[in-house]
Amino acid sequence: MKSTPDLCDDYPELVQAVEPLFSNFGGREVFGGQIVTVKCFEDNSRVKELVATQGNDRVMVVDAGGSMRRACLGDMLAEQASANGWSGIIIYGCIRDVDEIMATEIGVQALGVHPMKTEKKGVGEIDLAVTFGSVTFRPGDYVYADNNGIIVSPKALS
């Protein structure tokens, strides 16, 4: 996959760049694919449901409300997502188990790290447009991420 700067240069009319809020935590530093969205707040029940499904090289984009009080992803969910073929997970919120996630073959970008897990009350929504970092992520669009940032496109880019 080309770098996000190269994709921005090649497709300036298609891509939108997410504000530089995220850090790279996954074992795969460069990732991209079709978007599947989750909207939740301090409850990762829907994330847990999705990582158990076939990822088909898609990217889960999780709007966790920017919460810095709970971790929406840990090592066990990251490992399951990797085993099920997810390309990556972008979380507008926190993760935990950083050392283990860095050793897992999956892309993970998040705002930060927090040791506390979330509640599991079955709250959250899947496959709706979510907006953060000045960009709207729509299910079926494409997202690309690397150490330079995150970009979104309505079409697959090469």
Protein backbone atom coordinates (compact mmCIF):
# COMPACT_ATOMS: atom_id res chain seq x y z
CA MET A 1 0.00 0.00 0.00
CA LYS A 2 1.21 3.50 -0.78
CA SER A 3 1.88 5.89 2.08
CA THR A 4 -0.87 8.29 3.12
CA PRO A 5 1.18 11.28 1.83
CA ASP A 6 1.49 9.59 -1.58
CA LEU A 7 -2.25 8.83 -1.63
CA CYS A 8 -2.98 12.47 -0.73
CA ASP A 9 -0.73 13.60 -3.61
CA ASP A 10 -2.27 11.13 -6.07
CA TYR A 11 -5.94 11.70 -5.10
CA PRO A 12 -6.26 15.23 -3.65
CA GLU A 13 -9.86 15.55 -4.84
CA LEU A 14 -10.95 12.29 -3.16
CA VAL A 15 -9.24 12.10 0.23
CA GLN A 16 -9.88 13.80 3.52
CA ALA A 17 -7.21 13.79 6.22
CA VAL A 18 -8.15 13.18 9.84
CA GLU A 19 -6.79 15.67 12.36
CA PRO A 20 -3.49 14.45 13.89
CA LEU A 21 -4.94 13.08 17.13
CA PHE A 22 -3.98 9.41 16.82
CA SER A 23 -0.97 7.25 17.66
CA ASN A 24 -0.02 3.95 16.05
CA PHE A 25 -0.11 1.00 18.48
CA GLY A 26 -0.55 -2.12 16.34
CA GLY A 27 1.93 -4.64 15.04
CA ARG A 28 0.93 -3.57 11.51
CA GLU A 29 1.88 0.09 11.11
CA VAL A 30 0.43 0.48 7.61
CA PHE A 31 -3.16 -0.65 7.02
CA GLY A 32 -6.31 0.19 5.16
CA GLY A 33 -9.56 -1.15 3.86
CA GLN A 34 -13.29 -0.75 3.69
CA ILE A 35 -14.86 0.91 6.73
CA VAL A 36 -17.16 -0.77 9.26
CA THR A 37 -18.27 1.64 12.00
CA VAL A 38 -19.13 1.29 15.67
CA LYS A 39 -20.48 4.07 17.88
CA CYS A 40 -20.20 3.42 21.61
CA PHE A 41 -19.22 5.17 24.83
CA GLU A 42 -17.30 3.33 27.55
CA ASP A 43 -18.94 0.04 26.46
CA ASN A 44 -17.10 -2.14 23.94
CA SER A 45 -19.84 -4.79 23.54
CA ARG A 46 -20.28 -4.04 19.82
CA VAL A 47 -16.50 -4.10 19.25
CA LYS A 48 -16.39 -7.53 20.88
CA GLU A 49 -19.23 -8.74 18.61
CA LEU A 50 -17.53 -7.48 15.45
CA VAL A 51 -14.03 -8.87 16.11
CA ALA A 52 -15.67 -12.32 16.29
CA THR A 53 -16.84 -11.94 12.66
CA GLN A 54 -14.82 -12.27 9.46
CA GLY A 55 -12.97 -9.02 8.84
CA ASN A 56 -12.22 -9.59 5.15
CA ASP A 57 -9.39 -7.01 5.32
CA ARG A 58 -11.81 -4.29 6.47
CA VAL A 59 -11.06 -1.62 9.08
CA MET A 60 -13.23 -1.14 12.15
CA VAL A 61 -13.65 2.55 12.94
CA VAL A 62 -14.83 3.00 16.53
CA ASP A 63 -16.29 6.29 17.71
CA ALA A 64 -15.82 5.82 21.46
CA GLY A 65 -16.73 9.44 22.09
CA GLY A 66 -13.11 10.40 22.65
CA SER A 67 -13.29 8.88 26.15
CA MET A 68 -10.01 8.97 28.00
CA ARG A 69 -11.50 7.13 31.01
CA ARG A 70 -11.79 3.55 29.67
CA ALA A 71 -10.03 1.32 27.15
CA CYS A 72 -12.26 0.17 24.30
CA LEU A 73 -9.75 -2.44 23.00
CA GLY A 74 -7.40 -4.86 24.74
CA ASP A 75 -5.06 -7.63 23.68
CA MET A 76 -7.67 -10.41 23.53
CA LEU A 77 -10.00 -8.49 21.19
CA ALA A 78 -7.06 -7.34 19.04
CA GLU A 79 -5.82 -10.93 18.73
CA GLN A 80 -9.30 -12.15 17.79
CA ALA A 81 -9.66 -9.39 15.18
CA SER A 82 -6.29 -10.30 13.68
CA ALA A 83 -7.17 -14.02 13.59
CA ASN A 84 -10.46 -13.19 11.85
CA GLY A 85 -8.83 -11.14 9.10
CA TRP A 86 -9.47 -7.53 10.14
CA SER A 87 -6.89 -5.18 8.62
CA GLY A 88 -7.06 -2.68 11.46
CA ILE A 89 -9.00 -0.85 14.14
CA ILE A 90 -9.12 2.92 14.61
CA ILE A 91 -10.46 4.02 17.99
CA TYR A 92 -11.53 7.53 18.89
CA GLY A 93 -10.76 6.64 22.48
CA CYS A 94 -8.25 4.49 24.37
CA ILE A 95 -6.78 1.00 24.26
CA ARG A 96 -4.89 -1.08 26.82
CA ASP A 97 -2.42 -4.01 26.76
CA VAL A 98 -0.15 -1.97 24.49
CA ASP A 99 2.85 -4.32 24.51
CA GLU A 100 0.69 -7.29 23.48
CA ILE A 101 -1.14 -5.30 20.79
CA MET A 102 2.19 -4.10 19.37
CA ALA A 103 3.12 -7.78 18.93
CA THR A 104 -0.19 -8.58 17.16
CA GLU A 105 -0.46 -8.53 13.36
CA ILE A 106 -3.15 -5.88 13.11
CA GLY A 107 -3.21 -2.13 12.61
CA VAL A 108 -4.38 -0.18 15.66
CA GLN A 109 -4.57 3.57 16.04
CA ALA A 110 -6.10 5.28 19.07
CA LEU A 111 -6.02 8.53 21.03
CA GLY A 112 -4.21 7.03 23.99
CA VAL A 113 -3.86 4.29 26.56
CA HIS A 114 -5.81 3.59 29.75
CA PRO A 115 -5.60 0.48 31.97
CA MET A 116 -9.34 0.30 32.86
CA LYS A 117 -11.65 -1.82 30.68
CA THR A 118 -15.09 -0.69 29.60
CA GLU A 119 -18.47 -1.83 30.84
CA LYS A 120 -20.26 -4.48 28.78
CA LYS A 121 -23.94 -3.56 28.79
CA GLY A 122 -24.69 -4.25 25.12
CA VAL A 123 -24.88 -0.53 24.33
CA GLY A 124 -23.70 0.82 20.98
CA GLU A 125 -24.54 0.98 17.29
CA ILE A 126 -22.98 -0.55 14.18
CA ASP A 127 -22.85 0.72 10.58
CA LEU A 128 -23.78 4.37 10.89
CA ALA A 129 -21.81 7.44 9.82
CA VAL A 130 -19.54 8.70 12.62
CA THR A 131 -17.60 11.95 12.72
CA PHE A 132 -14.41 12.81 14.60
CA GLY A 133 -11.11 14.46 13.74
CA SER A 134 -13.04 16.73 11.30
CA VAL A 135 -13.87 13.75 9.03
CA THR A 136 -17.02 11.67 8.61
CA PHE A 137 -16.44 7.91 8.33
CA ARG A 138 -19.19 6.18 6.35
CA PRO A 139 -19.67 2.41 6.24
CA GLY A 140 -18.44 1.15 2.88
CA ASP A 141 -15.99 4.03 2.31
CA TYR A 142 -12.25 3.39 2.64
CA VAL A 143 -9.71 4.38 5.26
CA TYR A 144 -5.91 4.25 5.07
CA ALA A 145 -3.56 4.71 8.02
CA ASP A 146 0.17 4.77 8.68
CA ASN A 147 2.66 6.71 10.80
CA ASN A 148 1.86 9.85 8.78
CA GLY A 149 -1.83 9.88 9.66
CA ILE A 150 -5.27 8.65 8.64
CA ILE A 151 -7.14 9.47 5.43
CA VAL A 152 -10.62 8.61 4.19
CA SER A 153 -11.85 8.14 0.61
CA PRO A 154 -15.24 7.24 -0.89
CA LYS A 155 -13.40 4.84 -3.27
CA ALA A 156 -10.64 2.26 -2.95
CA LEU A 157 -7.22 3.77 -3.72
CA SER A 158 -4.11 2.08 -5.07
